[in-house]
C-alpha atoms as a PDB file:
ATOM      1  CA  MET A   1      48.742 160.582 -49.357  1.00  0.00           C
ATOM      2  CA  ALA A   2      51.426 159.400 -51.768  1.00  0.00           C
ATOM      3  CA  THR A   3      51.849 160.556 -55.190  1.00  0.00           C
ATOM      4  CA  TRP A   4      52.514 158.476 -58.128  1.00  0.00           C
ATOM      5  CA  PRO A   5      56.424 158.190 -58.726  1.00  0.00           C
ATOM      6  CA  SER A   6      58.170 160.425 -61.343  1.00  0.00           C
ATOM      7  CA  ILE A   7      58.355 157.806 -64.109  1.00  0.00           C
ATOM      8  CA  SER A   8      57.854 157.797 -67.840  1.00  0.00           C
ATOM      9  CA  ASN A   9      54.341 158.143 -68.923  1.00  0.00           C
ATOM     10  CA  PRO A  10      52.722 154.609 -70.207  1.00  0.00           C
ATOM     11  CA  ASP A  11      52.573 154.020 -74.068  1.00  0.00           C
ATOM     12  CA  PHE A  12      49.719 155.345 -76.103  1.00  0.00           C
ATOM     13  CA  GLY A  13      47.254 152.902 -76.409  1.00  0.00           C
ATOM     14  CA  MET A  14      46.484 152.877 -72.756  1.00  0.00           C
ATOM     15  CA  THR A  15      43.361 151.250 -71.787  1.00  0.00           C
ATOM     16  CA  GLU A  16      40.832 153.495 -69.953  1.00  0.00           C
ATOM     17  CA  GLU A  17      37.453 152.405 -68.663  1.00  0.00           C
ATOM     18  CA  THR A  18      34.505 154.205 -67.093  1.00  0.00           C
ATOM     19  CA  TYR A  19      32.696 152.199 -64.410  1.00  0.00           C
ATOM     20  CA  LEU A  20      29.047 153.084 -63.876  1.00  0.00           C
ATOM     21  CA  PRO A  21      27.077 149.989 -62.857  1.00  0.00           C
ATOM     22  CA  VAL A  22      23.259 149.447 -63.100  1.00  0.00           C
ATOM     23  CA  VAL A  23      20.839 147.333 -61.162  1.00  0.00           C
ATOM     24  CA  ARG A  24      18.649 145.381 -63.546  1.00  0.00           C
ATOM     25  CA  THR A  25      15.376 143.715 -62.464  1.00  0.00           C
ATOM     26  CA  GLU A  26      13.625 141.390 -64.884  1.00  0.00           C
ATOM     27  CA  LYS A  27       9.880 141.593 -64.452  1.00  0.00           C
ATOM     28  CA  GLU A  28       7.386 138.535 -65.077  1.00  0.00           C
ATOM     29  CA  ALA A  29       5.859 140.407 -67.853  1.00  0.00           C
ATOM     30  CA  ASN A  30       9.115 139.888 -69.764  1.00  0.00           C
ATOM     31  CA  TYR A  31      10.545 143.399 -69.442  1.00  0.00           C
ATOM     32  CA  VAL A  32      13.525 144.917 -67.592  1.00  0.00           C
ATOM     33  CA  GLN A  33      13.625 147.587 -65.013  1.00  0.00           C
ATOM     34  CA  ILE A  34      17.141 149.318 -65.005  1.00  0.00           C
ATOM     35  CA  ARG A  35      18.249 152.113 -62.382  1.00  0.00           C
ATOM     36  CA  LYS A  36      21.806 153.574 -61.824  1.00  0.00           C
ATOM     37  CA  ARG A  37      23.381 151.721 -58.654  1.00  0.00           C
ATOM     38  CA  THR A  38      25.640 154.733 -57.953  1.00  0.00           C
ATOM     39  CA  THR A  39      25.433 158.514 -58.504  1.00  0.00           C
ATOM     40  CA  ARG A  40      28.888 158.886 -60.069  1.00  0.00           C
ATOM     41  CA  SER A  41      31.057 156.763 -62.124  1.00  0.00           C
ATOM     42  CA  ARG A  42      34.697 155.638 -61.477  1.00  0.00           C
ATOM     43  CA  GLY A  43      37.793 155.405 -63.839  1.00  0.00           C
ATOM     44  CA  ARG A  44      40.103 152.463 -64.208  1.00  0.00           C
ATOM     45  CA  TRP A  45      43.401 152.554 -66.421  1.00  0.00           C
ATOM     46  CA  ASN A  46      45.382 149.733 -67.473  1.00  0.00           C
ATOM     47  CA  LEU A  47      48.673 151.302 -67.928  1.00  0.00           C
ATOM     48  CA  SER A  48      51.545 149.342 -69.946  1.00  0.00           C
ATOM     49  CA  TRP A  49      55.042 150.293 -71.020  1.00  0.00           C
ATOM     50  CA  LYS A  50      56.423 148.069 -73.625  1.00  0.00           C
ATOM     51  CA  ALA A  51      60.116 149.151 -72.942  1.00  0.00           C
ATOM     52  CA  MET A  52      60.469 150.841 -69.455  1.00  0.00           C
ATOM     53  CA  LEU A  53      63.905 151.455 -68.160  1.00  0.00           C
ATOM     54  CA  GLU A  54      64.979 149.339 -65.409  1.00  0.00           C
ATOM     55  CA  ALA A  55      65.321 152.548 -63.051  1.00  0.00           C
ATOM     56  CA  ASP A  56      61.762 153.353 -63.575  1.00  0.00           C
ATOM     57  CA  TYR A  57      60.616 149.719 -63.085  1.00  0.00           C
ATOM     58  CA  GLN A  58      62.521 149.578 -59.605  1.00  0.00           C
ATOM     59  CA  SER A  59      60.943 153.054 -58.706  1.00  0.00           C
ATOM     60  CA  LEU A  60      57.374 151.833 -59.491  1.00  0.00           C
ATOM     61  CA  LEU A  61      58.000 148.419 -57.908  1.00  0.00           C
ATOM     62  CA  THR A  62      59.145 150.462 -54.595  1.00  0.00           C
ATOM     63  CA  PHE A  63      55.870 152.528 -54.808  1.00  0.00           C
ATOM     64  CA  PHE A  64      53.671 149.242 -55.560  1.00  0.00           C
ATOM     65  CA  GLU A  65      55.067 147.686 -52.493  1.00  0.00           C
ATOM     66  CA  THR A  66      54.896 150.685 -50.364  1.00  0.00           C
ATOM     67  CA  ASN A  67      51.495 151.761 -51.430  1.00  0.00           C
ATOM     68  CA  GLN A  68      49.484 148.524 -52.185  1.00  0.00           C
ATOM     69  CA  GLY A  69      46.204 148.640 -50.155  1.00  0.00           C
ATOM     70  CA  THR A  70      46.334 152.439 -49.633  1.00  0.00           C
ATOM     71  CA  SER A  71      45.304 155.214 -52.084  1.00  0.00           C
ATOM     72  CA  PHE A  72      47.369 157.550 -53.957  1.00  0.00           C
ATOM     73  CA  THR A  73      47.362 160.669 -56.391  1.00  0.00           C
ATOM     74  CA  TRP A  74      47.842 159.793 -59.989  1.00  0.00           C
ATOM     75  CA  THR A  75      47.481 162.372 -63.020  1.00  0.00           C
ATOM     76  CA  HIS A  76      46.341 161.177 -66.022  1.00  0.00           C
ATOM     77  CA  PRO A  77      49.000 161.898 -68.872  1.00  0.00           C
ATOM     78  CA  LYS A  78      46.507 163.264 -71.480  1.00  0.00           C
ATOM     79  CA  SER A  79      44.086 165.371 -69.532  1.00  0.00           C
ATOM     80  CA  ALA A  80      46.297 166.285 -66.756  1.00  0.00           C
ATOM     81  CA  VAL A  81      43.595 165.546 -64.311  1.00  0.00           C
ATOM     82  CA  SER A  82      44.595 164.201 -60.983  1.00  0.00           C
ATOM     83  CA  TYR A  83      42.772 161.265 -59.338  1.00  0.00           C
ATOM     84  CA  THR A  84      42.745 159.521 -56.189  1.00  0.00           C
ATOM     85  CA  CYS A  85      43.529 155.817 -56.852  1.00  0.00           C
ATOM     86  CA  VAL A  86      44.449 152.447 -55.754  1.00  0.00           C
ATOM     87  CA  PHE A  87      45.748 149.431 -57.423  1.00  0.00           C
ATOM     88  CA  SER A  88      43.352 147.025 -58.817  1.00  0.00           C
ATOM     89  CA  GLU A  89      45.085 144.180 -58.732  1.00  0.00           C
ATOM     90  CA  ASP A  90      47.639 142.307 -56.059  1.00  0.00           C
ATOM     91  CA  SER A  91      50.667 141.992 -58.540  1.00  0.00           C
ATOM     92  CA  LEU A  92      52.700 144.181 -60.784  1.00  0.00           C
ATOM     93  CA  THR A  93      53.441 142.238 -63.856  1.00  0.00           C
ATOM     94  CA  SER A  94      56.674 142.971 -65.839  1.00  0.00           C
ATOM     95  CA  ARG A  95      58.927 140.757 -68.606  1.00  0.00           C
ATOM     96  CA  ILE A  96      62.413 141.509 -68.775  1.00  0.00           C
ATOM     97  CA  ILE A  97      63.206 142.174 -72.522  1.00  0.00           C
ATOM     98  CA  SER A  98      66.609 143.589 -72.400  1.00  0.00           C
ATOM     99  CA  PRO A  99      69.191 144.192 -69.675  1.00  0.00           C
ATOM    100  CA  THR A 100      68.119 147.713 -69.042  1.00  0.00           C
ATOM    101  CA  ARG A 101      64.368 147.557 -70.286  1.00  0.00           C
ATOM    102  CA  ARG A 102      61.075 145.846 -69.013  1.00  0.00           C
ATOM    103  CA  SER A 103      57.745 145.359 -70.394  1.00  0.00           C
ATOM    104  CA  VAL A 104      55.418 146.373 -67.692  1.00  0.00           C
ATOM    105  CA  ASN A 105      51.804 146.380 -67.129  1.00  0.00           C
ATOM    106  CA  VAL A 106      49.514 147.717 -63.866  1.00  0.00           C
ATOM    107  CA  VAL A 107      45.759 148.390 -63.494  1.00  0.00           C
ATOM    108  CA  ILE A 108      44.752 151.344 -61.379  1.00  0.00           C
ATOM    109  CA  GLU A 109      41.433 152.454 -60.430  1.00  0.00           C
ATOM    110  CA  GLU A 110      39.737 155.659 -58.995  1.00  0.00           C
ATOM    111  CA  LEU A 111      38.391 155.650 -55.581  1.00  0.00           C
END
């Protein structure tokens, strides 16, 4: 299994989501029955860099093109916990902000 590339950590303010779906059933007497759909939650992270170096972007782009559709290991920058993840979206979004830097956004999620 591939490992997340050795690039700069995302900027602080990274969005983190814990996904734990439930099943909701509305009853005729106007009450709702709720139960967990799964036995465990999954994490989702929206990673963003305001000014990523072009070399780091090229490493991330190569990693994305090589590992899109497969799982990889990613280590959370704050907790240092390793997760098995996939890319959540079919694209890697970037905006050129200077000759040597890009603004980058990518969403990954735990398997």
